[in-house]
Amino acid sequence: MNLFGNAVTNYVNFNFNSLAYFSGVLLGANEQGLYVLGGDHDLGQGIQVDIITGIHDLSERGIITRPKEAWLAYRSNGQIELQVEVEEDRDPYSYIFNKEPERITEERRVLGKGFKQRFYTFVVRNLSGSRFDIESLRILGDAIQLKRR
């Protein structure tokens, strides 16, 4: 857990019983041996990465903000997927960022119309194990005043 931002990192298929940082190299050990942890691949396969935000409540004292567009500032050697999860009981909406910039660039995707929920989760995922750096993800929307009855 990152104590500054309360971000939690989960590693899956990470079957080491001990870790060490020795001479500038991160090492992992298990019953099969000692492994150097580094690089872009794991046993010849690209490493799948998902960055999942917490659940965001986009409402505020009688005003709901409906997400309208996403701006992703990134650098990648492959495609990046942004998923918008609406509440927790629906299939996510998916948007692909497919530039492969050598420098950080910012791209915009218009999000689907008709979002009416309050709670959203955003997932940024590399496709095909591509390497990427994320500078920022901004979600912009329209504020809608709720009518009192």
C-alpha atoms as a PDB file:
ATOM      1  CA  MET A   1       0.000   0.000   0.000  1.00  0.00           C
ATOM      2  CA  ASN A   2       1.261   3.435  -0.927  1.00  0.00           C
ATOM      3  CA  LEU A   3       0.848   5.409   2.284  1.00  0.00           C
ATOM      4  CA  PHE A   4       0.828   8.795   0.516  1.00  0.00           C
ATOM      5  CA  GLY A   5      -2.099   8.121  -1.828  1.00  0.00           C
ATOM      6  CA  ASN A   6      -3.581   4.993  -0.173  1.00  0.00           C
ATOM      7  CA  ALA A   7      -3.142   3.115  -3.468  1.00  0.00           C
ATOM      8  CA  VAL A   8      -3.030  -0.664  -3.186  1.00  0.00           C
ATOM      9  CA  THR A   9      -1.016  -2.851  -5.550  1.00  0.00           C
ATOM     10  CA  ASN A  10      -1.967  -6.487  -6.122  1.00  0.00           C
ATOM     11  CA  TYR A  11       0.284  -8.923  -7.936  1.00  0.00           C
ATOM     12  CA  VAL A  12      -1.210 -12.086  -9.426  1.00  0.00           C
ATOM     13  CA  ASN A  13       0.767 -15.158 -10.534  1.00  0.00           C
ATOM     14  CA  PHE A  14       3.586 -13.853  -8.379  1.00  0.00           C
ATOM     15  CA  ASN A  15       4.494 -17.085  -6.610  1.00  0.00           C
ATOM     16  CA  PHE A  16       7.617 -16.097  -4.694  1.00  0.00           C
ATOM     17  CA  ASN A  17       8.131 -16.866  -1.036  1.00  0.00           C
ATOM     18  CA  SER A  18      10.822 -14.228  -0.585  1.00  0.00           C
ATOM     19  CA  LEU A  19      12.161 -11.085  -2.246  1.00  0.00           C
ATOM     20  CA  ALA A  20      15.509  -9.332  -2.031  1.00  0.00           C
ATOM     21  CA  TYR A  21      17.117  -6.232  -3.471  1.00  0.00           C
ATOM     22  CA  PHE A  22      20.791  -7.037  -4.040  1.00  0.00           C
ATOM     23  CA  SER A  23      23.399  -5.011  -5.961  1.00  0.00           C
ATOM     24  CA  GLY A  24      20.723  -2.943  -7.704  1.00  0.00           C
ATOM     25  CA  VAL A  25      18.723  -5.999  -8.820  1.00  0.00           C
ATOM     26  CA  LEU A  26      15.348  -7.180  -7.476  1.00  0.00           C
ATOM     27  CA  LEU A  27      15.301 -10.954  -6.916  1.00  0.00           C
ATOM     28  CA  GLY A  28      12.459 -13.370  -6.178  1.00  0.00           C
ATOM     29  CA  ALA A  29      12.857 -16.901  -4.847  1.00  0.00           C
ATOM     30  CA  ASN A  30      10.609 -19.961  -4.677  1.00  0.00           C
ATOM     31  CA  GLU A  31      11.012 -23.750  -4.624  1.00  0.00           C
ATOM     32  CA  GLN A  32      12.127 -23.814  -8.294  1.00  0.00           C
ATOM     33  CA  GLY A  33      14.966 -21.317  -7.866  1.00  0.00           C
ATOM     34  CA  LEU A  34      16.022 -17.684  -7.965  1.00  0.00           C
ATOM     35  CA  TYR A  35      14.565 -15.202 -10.483  1.00  0.00           C
ATOM     36  CA  VAL A  36      15.611 -11.718 -11.565  1.00  0.00           C
ATOM     37  CA  LEU A  37      12.575  -9.426 -11.513  1.00  0.00           C
ATOM     38  CA  GLY A  38      12.912  -6.930 -14.332  1.00  0.00           C
ATOM     39  CA  GLY A  39      12.228  -6.383 -17.979  1.00  0.00           C
ATOM     40  CA  ASP A  40       9.110  -6.287 -20.106  1.00  0.00           C
ATOM     41  CA  HIS A  41       8.363 -10.007 -20.285  1.00  0.00           C
ATOM     42  CA  ASP A  42       7.608 -12.871 -17.944  1.00  0.00           C
ATOM     43  CA  LEU A  43       8.831 -16.181 -19.354  1.00  0.00           C
ATOM     44  CA  GLY A  44       8.560 -14.775 -22.880  1.00  0.00           C
ATOM     45  CA  GLN A  45       5.084 -13.273 -22.505  1.00  0.00           C
ATOM     46  CA  GLY A  46       4.170  -9.590 -22.190  1.00  0.00           C
ATOM     47  CA  ILE A  47       3.110  -8.596 -18.693  1.00  0.00           C
ATOM     48  CA  GLN A  48      -0.599  -7.720 -18.409  1.00  0.00           C
ATOM     49  CA  VAL A  49      -1.164  -4.586 -16.313  1.00  0.00           C
ATOM     50  CA  ASP A  50      -4.478  -3.206 -15.056  1.00  0.00           C
ATOM     51  CA  ILE A  51      -4.680   0.103 -13.240  1.00  0.00           C
ATOM     52  CA  ILE A  52      -8.040   0.248 -11.484  1.00  0.00           C
ATOM     53  CA  THR A  53      -9.302   3.385  -9.815  1.00  0.00           C
ATOM     54  CA  GLY A  54     -11.506   3.225  -6.796  1.00  0.00           C
ATOM     55  CA  ILE A  55     -15.242   3.708  -7.187  1.00  0.00           C
ATOM     56  CA  HIS A  56     -15.952   7.358  -7.966  1.00  0.00           C
ATOM     57  CA  ASP A  57     -19.170   9.076  -6.935  1.00  0.00           C
ATOM     58  CA  LEU A  58     -19.622  11.791  -9.547  1.00  0.00           C
ATOM     59  CA  SER A  59     -22.510  13.465  -7.734  1.00  0.00           C
ATOM     60  CA  GLU A  60     -22.321  16.402  -5.402  1.00  0.00           C
ATOM     61  CA  ARG A  61     -25.174  17.897  -3.352  1.00  0.00           C
ATOM     62  CA  GLY A  62     -28.002  17.550  -5.829  1.00  0.00           C
ATOM     63  CA  ILE A  63     -25.806  17.677  -8.954  1.00  0.00           C
ATOM     64  CA  ILE A  64     -24.775  14.610 -10.947  1.00  0.00           C
ATOM     65  CA  THR A  65     -21.878  14.798 -13.364  1.00  0.00           C
ATOM     66  CA  ARG A  66     -22.284  12.525 -16.364  1.00  0.00           C
ATOM     67  CA  PRO A  67     -18.936  11.522 -17.875  1.00  0.00           C
ATOM     68  CA  LYS A  68     -18.648  12.857 -21.415  1.00  0.00           C
ATOM     69  CA  GLU A  69     -15.003  12.487 -22.444  1.00  0.00           C
ATOM     70  CA  ALA A  70     -11.752  10.935 -21.282  1.00  0.00           C
ATOM     71  CA  TRP A  71      -8.317  12.492 -21.789  1.00  0.00           C
ATOM     72  CA  LEU A  72      -5.382  10.114 -21.388  1.00  0.00           C
ATOM     73  CA  ALA A  73      -1.816  11.439 -21.358  1.00  0.00           C
ATOM     74  CA  TYR A  74       0.499   8.492 -22.002  1.00  0.00           C
ATOM     75  CA  ARG A  75       3.406   6.905 -23.843  1.00  0.00           C
ATOM     76  CA  SER A  76       3.175   3.314 -25.092  1.00  0.00           C
ATOM     77  CA  ASN A  77       4.601   0.829 -27.567  1.00  0.00           C
ATOM     78  CA  GLY A  78       1.162  -0.719 -28.105  1.00  0.00           C
ATOM     79  CA  GLN A  79      -2.540  -0.225 -27.567  1.00  0.00           C
ATOM     80  CA  ILE A  80      -4.032   0.977 -24.290  1.00  0.00           C
ATOM     81  CA  GLU A  81      -7.605   0.202 -23.290  1.00  0.00           C
ATOM     82  CA  LEU A  82      -9.771   2.352 -21.046  1.00  0.00           C
ATOM     83  CA  GLN A  83     -12.750   0.617 -19.513  1.00  0.00           C
ATOM     84  CA  VAL A  84     -15.562   2.516 -17.859  1.00  0.00           C
ATOM     85  CA  GLU A  85     -17.368   0.322 -15.362  1.00  0.00           C
ATOM     86  CA  VAL A  86     -20.805   1.674 -14.531  1.00  0.00           C
ATOM     87  CA  GLU A  87     -21.790   0.637 -11.058  1.00  0.00           C
ATOM     88  CA  GLU A  88     -21.011  -3.032 -10.541  1.00  0.00           C
ATOM     89  CA  ASP A  89     -23.637  -5.021 -12.369  1.00  0.00           C
ATOM     90  CA  ARG A  90     -23.068  -4.164 -16.041  1.00  0.00           C
ATOM     91  CA  ASP A  91     -20.494  -4.980 -18.680  1.00  0.00           C
ATOM     92  CA  PRO A  92     -17.863  -2.239 -18.941  1.00  0.00           C
ATOM     93  CA  TYR A  93     -17.648   0.182 -21.847  1.00  0.00           C
ATOM     94  CA  SER A  94     -14.311  -0.060 -23.659  1.00  0.00           C
ATOM     95  CA  TYR A  95     -12.279   2.600 -25.500  1.00  0.00           C
ATOM     96  CA  ILE A  96      -8.960   2.011 -27.274  1.00  0.00           C
ATOM     97  CA  PHE A  97      -6.039   4.438 -27.413  1.00  0.00           C
ATOM     98  CA  ASN A  98      -3.875   3.199 -30.262  1.00  0.00           C
ATOM     99  CA  LYS A  99      -1.156   5.725 -30.896  1.00  0.00           C
ATOM    100  CA  GLU A 100       2.312   4.485 -30.118  1.00  0.00           C
ATOM    101  CA  PRO A 101       4.022   7.733 -29.181  1.00  0.00           C
ATOM    102  CA  GLU A 102       7.691   7.899 -28.301  1.00  0.00           C
ATOM    103  CA  ARG A 103       6.920  10.965 -26.209  1.00  0.00           C
ATOM    104  CA  ILE A 104       4.039  11.515 -23.839  1.00  0.00           C
ATOM    105  CA  THR A 105       0.977  12.571 -25.780  1.00  0.00           C
ATOM    106  CA  GLU A 106      -2.608  13.254 -24.770  1.00  0.00           C
ATOM    107  CA  GLU A 107      -5.577  11.710 -26.579  1.00  0.00           C
ATOM    108  CA  ARG A 108      -9.290  12.251 -26.162  1.00  0.00           C
ATOM    109  CA  ARG A 109     -12.094   9.702 -26.400  1.00  0.00           C
ATOM    110  CA  VAL A 110     -15.746  10.683 -26.401  1.00  0.00           C
ATOM    111  CA  LEU A 111     -17.574   8.450 -23.965  1.00  0.00           C
ATOM    112  CA  GLY A 112     -20.935   6.880 -24.732  1.00  0.00           C
ATOM    113  CA  LYS A 113     -24.102   8.860 -24.224  1.00  0.00           C
ATOM    114  CA  GLY A 114     -26.736   7.941 -21.732  1.00  0.00           C
ATOM    115  CA  PHE A 115     -24.658   7.507 -18.573  1.00  0.00           C
ATOM    116  CA  LYS A 116     -27.091   8.198 -15.734  1.00  0.00           C
ATOM    117  CA  GLN A 117     -25.472   6.447 -12.801  1.00  0.00           C
ATOM    118  CA  ARG A 118     -23.565   7.976  -9.914  1.00  0.00           C
ATOM    119  CA  PHE A 119     -20.802   5.439  -9.393  1.00  0.00           C
ATOM    120  CA  TYR A 120     -18.003   4.706 -11.880  1.00  0.00           C
ATOM    121  CA  THR A 121     -14.738   2.787 -11.884  1.00  0.00           C
ATOM    122  CA  PHE A 122     -12.071   3.399 -14.536  1.00  0.00           C
ATOM    123  CA  VAL A 123      -9.595   0.740 -15.669  1.00  0.00           C
ATOM    124  CA  VAL A 124      -6.492   1.424 -17.789  1.00  0.00           C
ATOM    125  CA  ARG A 125      -5.038  -1.745 -19.329  1.00  0.00           C
ATOM    126  CA  ASN A 126      -2.169  -2.493 -21.670  1.00  0.00           C
ATOM    127  CA  LEU A 127      -3.083  -4.805 -24.543  1.00  0.00           C
ATOM    128  CA  SER A 128      -0.711  -7.560 -25.687  1.00  0.00           C
ATOM    129  CA  GLY A 129       1.607  -6.824 -22.767  1.00  0.00           C
ATOM    130  CA  SER A 130       2.705  -3.497 -24.218  1.00  0.00           C
ATOM    131  CA  ARG A 131       4.902  -1.198 -22.185  1.00  0.00           C
ATOM    132  CA  PHE A 132       3.338   2.104 -21.138  1.00  0.00           C
ATOM    133  CA  ASP A 133       3.633   5.162 -18.924  1.00  0.00           C
ATOM    134  CA  ILE A 134       0.556   7.057 -17.742  1.00  0.00           C
ATOM    135  CA  GLU A 135       0.928  10.737 -16.910  1.00  0.00           C
ATOM    136  CA  SER A 136      -2.756  11.439 -16.243  1.00  0.00           C
ATOM    137  CA  LEU A 137      -6.329  10.375 -16.865  1.00  0.00           C
ATOM    138  CA  ARG A 138      -8.933  13.142 -16.805  1.00  0.00           C
ATOM    139  CA  ILE A 139     -12.651  12.453 -16.997  1.00  0.00           C
ATOM    140  CA  LEU A 140     -14.732  15.474 -17.982  1.00  0.00           C
ATOM    141  CA  GLY A 141     -18.493  15.650 -17.903  1.00  0.00           C
ATOM    142  CA  ASP A 142     -21.665  17.670 -17.809  1.00  0.00           C
ATOM    143  CA  ALA A 143     -23.166  18.683 -14.488  1.00  0.00           C
ATOM    144  CA  ILE A 144     -26.906  18.066 -14.314  1.00  0.00           C
ATOM    145  CA  GLN A 145     -29.020  19.702 -11.622  1.00  0.00           C
ATOM    146  CA  LEU A 146     -31.482  17.289 -10.055  1.00  0.00           C
ATOM    147  CA  LYS A 147     -35.039  18.564  -9.855  1.00  0.00           C
ATOM    148  CA  ARG A 148     -36.743  18.491  -6.500  1.00  0.00           C
ATOM    149  CA  ARG A 149     -40.266  17.149  -6.353  1.00  0.00           C
END
